[in-house]
């Protein structure tokens, strides 16, 4: 993960980092072994920089945070869940283009 604007979150800090965030939060459910997850990582880095202050991006490793993955019904990765005000407002599954991700999140910024 290249961008220091993207935070790895765990079950311990998910509530504080995602549910109580003052800005929308895009949560990337991913795993180290997932090829498509690695493909979208640079896109998320770019978006984190471009939308700094408007959008927070967090990553949840489904291998080490299986409880969170299960809680949110993650059955395929990458899955991107967009939270606003502590609620899921949109989601994307699979490796998507930067444009597709941006088009999904922009209405919530």
C-alpha atoms as a PDB file:
ATOM      1  CA  UNK A   1       0.000   0.000   0.000  1.00  0.00           C
ATOM      2  CA  UNK A   2       1.744   3.094  -1.223  1.00  0.00           C
ATOM      3  CA  UNK A   3      -0.508   5.873   0.047  1.00  0.00           C
ATOM      4  CA  UNK A   4      -0.217   6.877   3.686  1.00  0.00           C
ATOM      5  CA  UNK A   5      -3.762   8.253   3.320  1.00  0.00           C
ATOM      6  CA  UNK A   6      -5.191   4.718   3.269  1.00  0.00           C
ATOM      7  CA  UNK A   7      -5.622   3.086   6.659  1.00  0.00           C
ATOM      8  CA  UNK A   8      -5.735  -0.605   7.436  1.00  0.00           C
ATOM      9  CA  UNK A   9      -8.671  -1.117   9.781  1.00  0.00           C
ATOM     10  CA  UNK A  10      -9.461  -3.987  12.092  1.00  0.00           C
ATOM     11  CA  UNK A  11     -12.479  -5.065  14.054  1.00  0.00           C
ATOM     12  CA  UNK A  12     -11.054  -3.083  16.997  1.00  0.00           C
ATOM     13  CA  UNK A  13     -11.039   0.290  15.208  1.00  0.00           C
ATOM     14  CA  UNK A  14     -13.690  -0.228  12.485  1.00  0.00           C
ATOM     15  CA  UNK A  15     -16.368   1.615  14.446  1.00  0.00           C
ATOM     16  CA  UNK A  16     -14.183   4.668  15.077  1.00  0.00           C
ATOM     17  CA  UNK A  17     -12.563   4.765  11.629  1.00  0.00           C
ATOM     18  CA  UNK A  18     -15.570   3.894   9.451  1.00  0.00           C
ATOM     19  CA  UNK A  19     -18.899   4.047  11.254  1.00  0.00           C
ATOM     20  CA  UNK A  20     -18.212   7.358  13.046  1.00  0.00           C
ATOM     21  CA  UNK A  21     -16.219   9.046  10.279  1.00  0.00           C
ATOM     22  CA  UNK A  22     -17.226  12.595   9.375  1.00  0.00           C
ATOM     23  CA  UNK A  23     -16.648  11.954   5.655  1.00  0.00           C
ATOM     24  CA  UNK A  24     -17.745   9.058   3.437  1.00  0.00           C
ATOM     25  CA  UNK A  25     -15.479   6.011   3.765  1.00  0.00           C
ATOM     26  CA  UNK A  26     -14.677   3.586   0.957  1.00  0.00           C
ATOM     27  CA  UNK A  27     -13.734   0.254   2.544  1.00  0.00           C
ATOM     28  CA  UNK A  28     -11.721  -2.155   0.408  1.00  0.00           C
ATOM     29  CA  UNK A  29     -12.155  -5.769   1.530  1.00  0.00           C
ATOM     30  CA  UNK A  30      -9.066  -7.496   0.138  1.00  0.00           C
ATOM     31  CA  UNK A  31      -6.401 -10.174   0.697  1.00  0.00           C
ATOM     32  CA  UNK A  32      -2.672 -10.348  -0.019  1.00  0.00           C
ATOM     33  CA  UNK A  33      -3.106 -13.329  -2.382  1.00  0.00           C
ATOM     34  CA  UNK A  34      -5.857 -11.652  -4.447  1.00  0.00           C
ATOM     35  CA  UNK A  35      -4.662 -10.589  -7.920  1.00  0.00           C
ATOM     36  CA  UNK A  36      -7.597  -8.258  -8.701  1.00  0.00           C
ATOM     37  CA  UNK A  37      -7.115  -6.642  -5.264  1.00  0.00           C
ATOM     38  CA  UNK A  38      -3.529  -5.795  -6.212  1.00  0.00           C
ATOM     39  CA  UNK A  39      -4.766  -4.407  -9.547  1.00  0.00           C
ATOM     40  CA  UNK A  40      -7.040  -1.815  -7.919  1.00  0.00           C
ATOM     41  CA  UNK A  41      -4.606  -0.826  -5.138  1.00  0.00           C
ATOM     42  CA  UNK A  42      -2.854   1.877  -7.256  1.00  0.00           C
ATOM     43  CA  UNK A  43      -6.264   3.257  -8.283  1.00  0.00           C
ATOM     44  CA  UNK A  44      -7.291   3.536  -4.633  1.00  0.00           C
ATOM     45  CA  UNK A  45      -3.972   5.255  -3.852  1.00  0.00           C
ATOM     46  CA  UNK A  46      -4.687   7.848  -6.571  1.00  0.00           C
ATOM     47  CA  UNK A  47      -8.246   8.411  -5.348  1.00  0.00           C
ATOM     48  CA  UNK A  48      -7.046   8.780  -1.741  1.00  0.00           C
ATOM     49  CA  UNK A  49      -4.735  11.585  -2.849  1.00  0.00           C
ATOM     50  CA  UNK A  50      -7.218  13.262  -5.202  1.00  0.00           C
ATOM     51  CA  UNK A  51     -10.116  13.158  -2.745  1.00  0.00           C
ATOM     52  CA  UNK A  52      -8.178  13.798   0.470  1.00  0.00           C
ATOM     53  CA  UNK A  53     -10.479  15.571   2.896  1.00  0.00           C
ATOM     54  CA  UNK A  54     -13.619  14.532   0.973  1.00  0.00           C
ATOM     55  CA  UNK A  55     -13.290  10.757   1.185  1.00  0.00           C
ATOM     56  CA  UNK A  56     -11.506   8.368   3.496  1.00  0.00           C
ATOM     57  CA  UNK A  57     -10.267   5.025   2.153  1.00  0.00           C
ATOM     58  CA  UNK A  58      -9.789   2.052   4.447  1.00  0.00           C
ATOM     59  CA  UNK A  59      -8.660  -1.511   3.817  1.00  0.00           C
ATOM     60  CA  UNK A  60      -9.834  -4.652   5.595  1.00  0.00           C
ATOM     61  CA  UNK A  61      -7.747  -7.800   5.130  1.00  0.00           C
ATOM     62  CA  UNK A  62     -10.367 -10.572   4.951  1.00  0.00           C
ATOM     63  CA  UNK A  63      -7.857 -13.197   6.088  1.00  0.00           C
ATOM     64  CA  UNK A  64      -7.003 -11.483   9.367  1.00  0.00           C
ATOM     65  CA  UNK A  65     -10.436  -9.862   9.836  1.00  0.00           C
ATOM     66  CA  UNK A  66     -12.777 -12.745   8.961  1.00  0.00           C
ATOM     67  CA  UNK A  67     -15.384 -11.578  11.465  1.00  0.00           C
ATOM     68  CA  UNK A  68     -15.725  -8.198   9.741  1.00  0.00           C
ATOM     69  CA  UNK A  69     -15.848  -9.837   6.323  1.00  0.00           C
ATOM     70  CA  UNK A  70     -18.591 -12.169   7.520  1.00  0.00           C
ATOM     71  CA  UNK A  71     -20.494  -9.348   9.218  1.00  0.00           C
ATOM     72  CA  UNK A  72     -20.693  -7.473   5.904  1.00  0.00           C
ATOM     73  CA  UNK A  73     -21.435 -10.546   3.789  1.00  0.00           C
ATOM     74  CA  UNK A  74     -18.202 -10.434   1.822  1.00  0.00           C
ATOM     75  CA  UNK A  75     -18.190 -13.488  -0.444  1.00  0.00           C
ATOM     76  CA  UNK A  76     -15.877 -12.226  -3.195  1.00  0.00           C
ATOM     77  CA  UNK A  77     -12.914  -9.875  -3.195  1.00  0.00           C
ATOM     78  CA  UNK A  78     -12.195  -7.181  -3.911  1.00  0.00           C
ATOM     79  CA  UNK A  79     -15.436  -5.755  -2.597  1.00  0.00           C
ATOM     80  CA  UNK A  80     -15.647  -2.019  -2.024  1.00  0.00           C
ATOM     81  CA  UNK A  81     -18.315  -0.812   0.390  1.00  0.00           C
ATOM     82  CA  UNK A  82     -19.078   2.892   0.600  1.00  0.00           C
ATOM     83  CA  UNK A  83     -20.186   4.059   4.043  1.00  0.00           C
ATOM     84  CA  UNK A  84     -21.737   7.431   4.796  1.00  0.00           C
ATOM     85  CA  UNK A  85     -23.066   8.307   8.212  1.00  0.00           C
ATOM     86  CA  UNK A  86     -22.389   4.768   9.436  1.00  0.00           C
ATOM     87  CA  UNK A  87     -24.498   3.129   6.712  1.00  0.00           C
ATOM     88  CA  UNK A  88     -23.594   1.316   3.506  1.00  0.00           C
ATOM     89  CA  UNK A  89     -24.763   3.550   0.659  1.00  0.00           C
ATOM     90  CA  UNK A  90     -23.171   1.736  -2.298  1.00  0.00           C
ATOM     91  CA  UNK A  91     -20.890  -1.136  -3.224  1.00  0.00           C
ATOM     92  CA  UNK A  92     -18.671  -2.418  -6.013  1.00  0.00           C
ATOM     93  CA  UNK A  93     -17.470  -5.989  -6.527  1.00  0.00           C
ATOM     94  CA  UNK A  94     -14.427  -7.006  -8.504  1.00  0.00           C
ATOM     95  CA  UNK A  95     -11.623  -4.974 -10.035  1.00  0.00           C
ATOM     96  CA  UNK A  96     -13.162  -1.782 -11.392  1.00  0.00           C
ATOM     97  CA  UNK A  97     -11.681   1.095 -13.331  1.00  0.00           C
ATOM     98  CA  UNK A  98     -10.858   4.370 -11.648  1.00  0.00           C
ATOM     99  CA  UNK A  99     -13.727   6.002 -13.558  1.00  0.00           C
ATOM    100  CA  UNK A 100     -16.219   3.361 -12.365  1.00  0.00           C
ATOM    101  CA  UNK A 101     -15.123   3.757  -8.749  1.00  0.00           C
ATOM    102  CA  UNK A 102     -15.181   7.541  -8.966  1.00  0.00           C
ATOM    103  CA  UNK A 103     -18.612   7.558 -10.629  1.00  0.00           C
ATOM    104  CA  UNK A 104     -19.930   5.430  -7.768  1.00  0.00           C
ATOM    105  CA  UNK A 105     -18.553   7.586  -4.955  1.00  0.00           C
ATOM    106  CA  UNK A 106     -18.977  11.109  -6.362  1.00  0.00           C
ATOM    107  CA  UNK A 107     -22.719  11.444  -5.589  1.00  0.00           C
ATOM    108  CA  UNK A 108     -21.918  10.902  -1.889  1.00  0.00           C
ATOM    109  CA  UNK A 109     -19.088  13.428  -1.562  1.00  0.00           C
END
